[in-house]
PDB file of N, CA and C in Angstrom:
ATOM      1  N   MET A   1      89.487   9.069 238.753  1.00  0.00           N
ATOM      2  CA  MET A   1      89.292   8.461 240.049  1.00  0.00           C
ATOM      3  C   MET A   1      87.825   8.593 240.457  1.00  0.00           C
ATOM      4  N   LYS A   2      87.293   7.565 241.101  1.00  0.00           N
ATOM      5  CA  LYS A   2      85.901   7.543 241.518  1.00  0.00           C
ATOM      6  C   LYS A   2      85.653   8.538 242.650  1.00  0.00           C
ATOM      7  N   LYS A   3      84.521   9.244 242.558  1.00  0.00           N
ATOM      8  CA  LYS A   3      84.152  10.194 243.602  1.00  0.00           C
ATOM      9  C   LYS A   3      83.738   9.439 244.868  1.00  0.00           C
ATOM     10  N   SER A   4      84.204   9.911 246.006  1.00  0.00           N
ATOM     11  CA  SER A   4      83.899   9.274 247.285  1.00  0.00           C
ATOM     12  C   SER A   4      82.429   9.483 247.650  1.00  0.00           C
ATOM     13  N   ARG A   5      81.864   8.500 248.296  1.00  0.00           N
ATOM     14  CA  ARG A   5      80.479   8.588 248.753  1.00  0.00           C
ATOM     15  C   ARG A   5      80.352   9.532 249.947  1.00  0.00           C
ATOM     16  N   TYR A   6      81.428   9.703 250.674  1.00  0.00           N
ATOM     17  CA  TYR A   6      81.438  10.527 251.881  1.00  0.00           C
ATOM     18  C   TYR A   6      82.422  11.678 251.714  1.00  0.00           C
ATOM     19  N   THR A   7      82.035  12.854 252.195  1.00  0.00           N
ATOM     20  CA  THR A   7      82.955  13.987 252.168  1.00  0.00           C
ATOM     21  C   THR A   7      83.943  13.843 253.322  1.00  0.00           C
ATOM     22  N   GLU A   8      85.007  14.602 253.255  1.00  0.00           N
ATOM     23  CA  GLU A   8      86.005  14.529 254.324  1.00  0.00           C
ATOM     24  C   GLU A   8      85.407  14.937 255.668  1.00  0.00           C
ATOM     25  N   SER A   9      84.529  15.929 255.665  1.00  0.00           N
ATOM     26  CA  SER A   9      83.913  16.355 256.927  1.00  0.00           C
ATOM     27  C   SER A   9      83.002  15.264 257.496  1.00  0.00           C
ATOM     28  N   GLN A  10      82.319  14.504 256.634  1.00  0.00           N
ATOM     29  CA  GLN A  10      81.496  13.397 257.111  1.00  0.00           C
ATOM     30  C   GLN A  10      82.368  12.306 257.728  1.00  0.00           C
ATOM     31  N   ILE A  11      83.487  12.021 257.092  1.00  0.00           N
ATOM     32  CA  ILE A  11      84.408  11.001 257.594  1.00  0.00           C
ATOM     33  C   ILE A  11      84.930  11.398 258.969  1.00  0.00           C
ATOM     34  N   VAL A  12      85.333  12.651 259.106  1.00  0.00           N
ATOM     35  CA  VAL A  12      85.842  13.137 260.393  1.00  0.00           C
ATOM     36  C   VAL A  12      84.747  13.046 261.454  1.00  0.00           C
ATOM     37  N   ASN A  13      83.519  13.381 261.089  1.00  0.00           N
ATOM     38  CA  ASN A  13      82.401  13.295 262.027  1.00  0.00           C
ATOM     39  C   ASN A  13      82.168  11.851 262.475  1.00  0.00           C
ATOM     40  N   ILE A  14      82.240  10.906 261.546  1.00  0.00           N
ATOM     41  CA  ILE A  14      82.066   9.490 261.874  1.00  0.00           C
ATOM     42  C   ILE A  14      83.161   9.037 262.834  1.00  0.00           C
ATOM     43  N   LEU A  15      84.392   9.436 262.563  1.00  0.00           N
ATOM     44  CA  LEU A  15      85.506   9.049 263.432  1.00  0.00           C
ATOM     45  C   LEU A  15      85.366   9.661 264.826  1.00  0.00           C
ATOM     46  N   LYS A  16      84.873  10.899 264.894  1.00  0.00           N
ATOM     47  CA  LYS A  16      84.667  11.546 266.196  1.00  0.00           C
ATOM     48  C   LYS A  16      83.569  10.842 266.993  1.00  0.00           C
ATOM     49  N   GLN A  17      82.528  10.377 266.293  1.00  0.00           N
ATOM     50  CA  GLN A  17      81.458   9.642 266.972  1.00  0.00           C
ATOM     51  C   GLN A  17      82.015   8.381 267.613  1.00  0.00           C
ATOM     52  N   ASN A  18      82.921   7.706 266.911  1.00  0.00           N
ATOM     53  CA  ASN A  18      83.533   6.499 267.455  1.00  0.00           C
ATOM     54  C   ASN A  18      84.363   6.838 268.683  1.00  0.00           C
ATOM     55  N   LYS A  19      85.078   7.953 268.610  1.00  0.00           N
ATOM     56  CA  LYS A  19      85.913   8.362 269.740  1.00  0.00           C
ATOM     57  C   LYS A  19      85.064   8.704 270.967  1.00  0.00           C
ATOM     58  N   SER A  20      83.825   9.141 270.737  1.00  0.00           N
ATOM     59  CA  SER A  20      82.948   9.499 271.853  1.00  0.00           C
ATOM     60  C   SER A  20      82.185   8.301 272.413  1.00  0.00           C
ATOM     61  N   GLY A  21      82.418   7.099 271.846  1.00  0.00           N
ATOM     62  CA  GLY A  21      81.838   5.911 272.457  1.00  0.00           C
ATOM     63  C   GLY A  21      80.924   5.066 271.589  1.00  0.00           C
ATOM     64  N   VAL A  22      80.570   5.526 270.403  1.00  0.00           N
ATOM     65  CA  VAL A  22      79.723   4.730 269.511  1.00  0.00           C
ATOM     66  C   VAL A  22      80.583   3.624 268.903  1.00  0.00           C
ATOM     67  N   THR A  23      80.078   2.401 268.889  1.00  0.00           N
ATOM     68  CA  THR A  23      80.875   1.287 268.381  1.00  0.00           C
ATOM     69  C   THR A  23      81.012   1.352 266.861  1.00  0.00           C
ATOM     70  N   VAL A  24      82.050   0.706 266.365  1.00  0.00           N
ATOM     71  CA  VAL A  24      82.300   0.654 264.923  1.00  0.00           C
ATOM     72  C   VAL A  24      81.138  -0.044 264.224  1.00  0.00           C
ATOM     73  N   ALA A  25      80.644  -1.118 264.805  1.00  0.00           N
ATOM     74  CA  ALA A  25      79.531  -1.860 264.203  1.00  0.00           C
ATOM     75  C   ALA A  25      78.288  -0.979 264.057  1.00  0.00           C
ATOM     76  N   GLU A  26      77.985  -0.188 265.078  1.00  0.00           N
ATOM     77  CA  GLU A  26      76.829   0.712 265.020  1.00  0.00           C
ATOM     78  C   GLU A  26      77.006   1.754 263.925  1.00  0.00           C
ATOM     79  N   LEU A  27      78.188   2.342 263.844  1.00  0.00           N
ATOM     80  CA  LEU A  27      78.451   3.356 262.827  1.00  0.00           C
ATOM     81  C   LEU A  27      78.345   2.769 261.422  1.00  0.00           C
ATOM     82  N   CYS A  28      78.876   1.578 261.242  1.00  0.00           N
ATOM     83  CA  CYS A  28      78.840   0.939 259.928  1.00  0.00           C
ATOM     84  C   CYS A  28      77.409   0.640 259.504  1.00  0.00           C
ATOM     85  N   ARG A  29      76.585   0.205 260.434  1.00  0.00           N
ATOM     86  CA  ARG A  29      75.170  -0.038 260.113  1.00  0.00           C
ATOM     87  C   ARG A  29      74.468   1.267 259.768  1.00  0.00           C
ATOM     88  N   GLU A  30      74.711   2.294 260.554  1.00  0.00           N
ATOM     89  CA  GLU A  30      74.036   3.576 260.356  1.00  0.00           C
ATOM     90  C   GLU A  30      74.402   4.215 259.019  1.00  0.00           C
ATOM     91  N   TYR A  31      75.675   4.151 258.651  1.00  0.00           N
ATOM     92  CA  TYR A  31      76.140   4.819 257.440  1.00  0.00           C
ATOM     93  C   TYR A  31      76.261   3.889 256.238  1.00  0.00           C
ATOM     94  N   GLY A  32      75.962   2.606 256.421  1.00  0.00           N
ATOM     95  CA  GLY A  32      75.982   1.657 255.312  1.00  0.00           C
ATOM     96  C   GLY A  32      77.361   1.438 254.729  1.00  0.00           C
ATOM     97  N   MET A  33      78.323   1.196 255.586  1.00  0.00           N
ATOM     98  CA  MET A  33      79.693   0.991 255.112  1.00  0.00           C
ATOM     99  C   MET A  33      80.295  -0.248 255.763  1.00  0.00           C
ATOM    100  N   ASN A  34      81.419  -0.674 255.232  1.00  0.00           N
ATOM    101  CA  ASN A  34      82.136  -1.838 255.718  1.00  0.00           C
ATOM    102  C   ASN A  34      83.075  -1.422 256.850  1.00  0.00           C
ATOM    103  N   GLN A  35      83.291  -2.306 257.811  1.00  0.00           N
ATOM    104  CA  GLN A  35      84.197  -1.989 258.918  1.00  0.00           C
ATOM    105  C   GLN A  35      85.622  -1.751 258.429  1.00  0.00           C
ATOM    106  N   ALA A  36      86.023  -2.442 257.391  1.00  0.00           N
ATOM    107  CA  ALA A  36      87.372  -2.249 256.846  1.00  0.00           C
ATOM    108  C   ALA A  36      87.559  -0.814 256.369  1.00  0.00           C
ATOM    109  N   ARG A  37      86.524  -0.239 255.768  1.00  0.00           N
ATOM    110  CA  ARG A  37      86.587   1.153 255.305  1.00  0.00           C
ATOM    111  C   ARG A  37      86.795   2.076 256.495  1.00  0.00           C
ATOM    112  N   PHE A  38      86.085   1.842 257.583  1.00  0.00           N
ATOM    113  CA  PHE A  38      86.233   2.669 258.780  1.00  0.00           C
ATOM    114  C   PHE A  38      87.678   2.664 259.263  1.00  0.00           C
ATOM    115  N   TYR A  39      88.257   1.479 259.358  1.00  0.00           N
ATOM    116  CA  TYR A  39      89.624   1.374 259.860  1.00  0.00           C
ATOM    117  C   TYR A  39      90.630   1.997 258.890  1.00  0.00           C
ATOM    118  N   GLN A  40      90.355   1.952 257.589  1.00  0.00           N
ATOM    119  CA  GLN A  40      91.225   2.625 256.617  1.00  0.00           C
ATOM    120  C   GLN A  40      91.174   4.135 256.825  1.00  0.00           C
ATOM    121  N   TRP A  41      89.968   4.662 257.006  1.00  0.00           N
ATOM    122  CA  TRP A  41      89.828   6.094 257.258  1.00  0.00           C
ATOM    123  C   TRP A  41      90.577   6.491 258.512  1.00  0.00           C
ATOM    124  N   ARG A  42      90.383   5.721 259.573  1.00  0.00           N
ATOM    125  CA  ARG A  42      91.033   6.041 260.845  1.00  0.00           C
ATOM    126  C   ARG A  42      92.548   6.036 260.692  1.00  0.00           C
ATOM    127  N   LEU A  43      93.056   5.042 260.015  1.00  0.00           N
ATOM    128  CA  LEU A  43      94.493   4.945 259.806  1.00  0.00           C
ATOM    129  C   LEU A  43      95.008   6.143 259.011  1.00  0.00           C
ATOM    130  N   CYS A  44      94.332   6.478 257.937  1.00  0.00           N
ATOM    131  CA  CYS A  44      94.778   7.576 257.070  1.00  0.00           C
ATOM    132  C   CYS A  44      94.659   8.937 257.745  1.00  0.00           C
ATOM    133  N   LEU A  45      93.507   9.220 258.346  1.00  0.00           N
ATOM    134  CA  LEU A  45      93.269  10.563 258.882  1.00  0.00           C
ATOM    135  C   LEU A  45      93.934  10.816 260.223  1.00  0.00           C
ATOM    136  N   TRP A  46      93.877   9.861 261.127  1.00  0.00           N
ATOM    137  CA  TRP A  46      94.432  10.113 262.451  1.00  0.00           C
ATOM    138  C   TRP A  46      95.950  10.027 262.465  1.00  0.00           C
ATOM    139  N   LEU A  47      96.528   9.219 261.600  1.00  0.00           N
ATOM    140  CA  LEU A  47      97.984   9.127 261.570  1.00  0.00           C
ATOM    141  C   LEU A  47      98.612  10.276 260.788  1.00  0.00           C
ATOM    142  N   SER A  48      97.827  10.901 259.898  1.00  0.00           N
ATOM    143  CA  SER A  48      98.375  11.992 259.098  1.00  0.00           C
ATOM    144  C   SER A  48      98.408  13.313 259.864  1.00  0.00           C
ATOM    145  N   THR A  49      97.731  13.384 261.023  1.00  0.00           N
ATOM    146  CA  THR A  49      97.714  14.648 261.781  1.00  0.00           C
ATOM    147  C   THR A  49      98.708  14.641 262.905  1.00  0.00           C
TER     148      THR A  49
END
């Protein structure tokens, strides 16, 4: 399996930034990722807790 570009702690930090008011578009530009990836992370991590 391919190694992830982001660690789990980085992903959680990105999701927390969004929760504090930073838009998804801003986060995606800053971290160089696709919006679909962000929503996949949110779905997987927030629903699993």
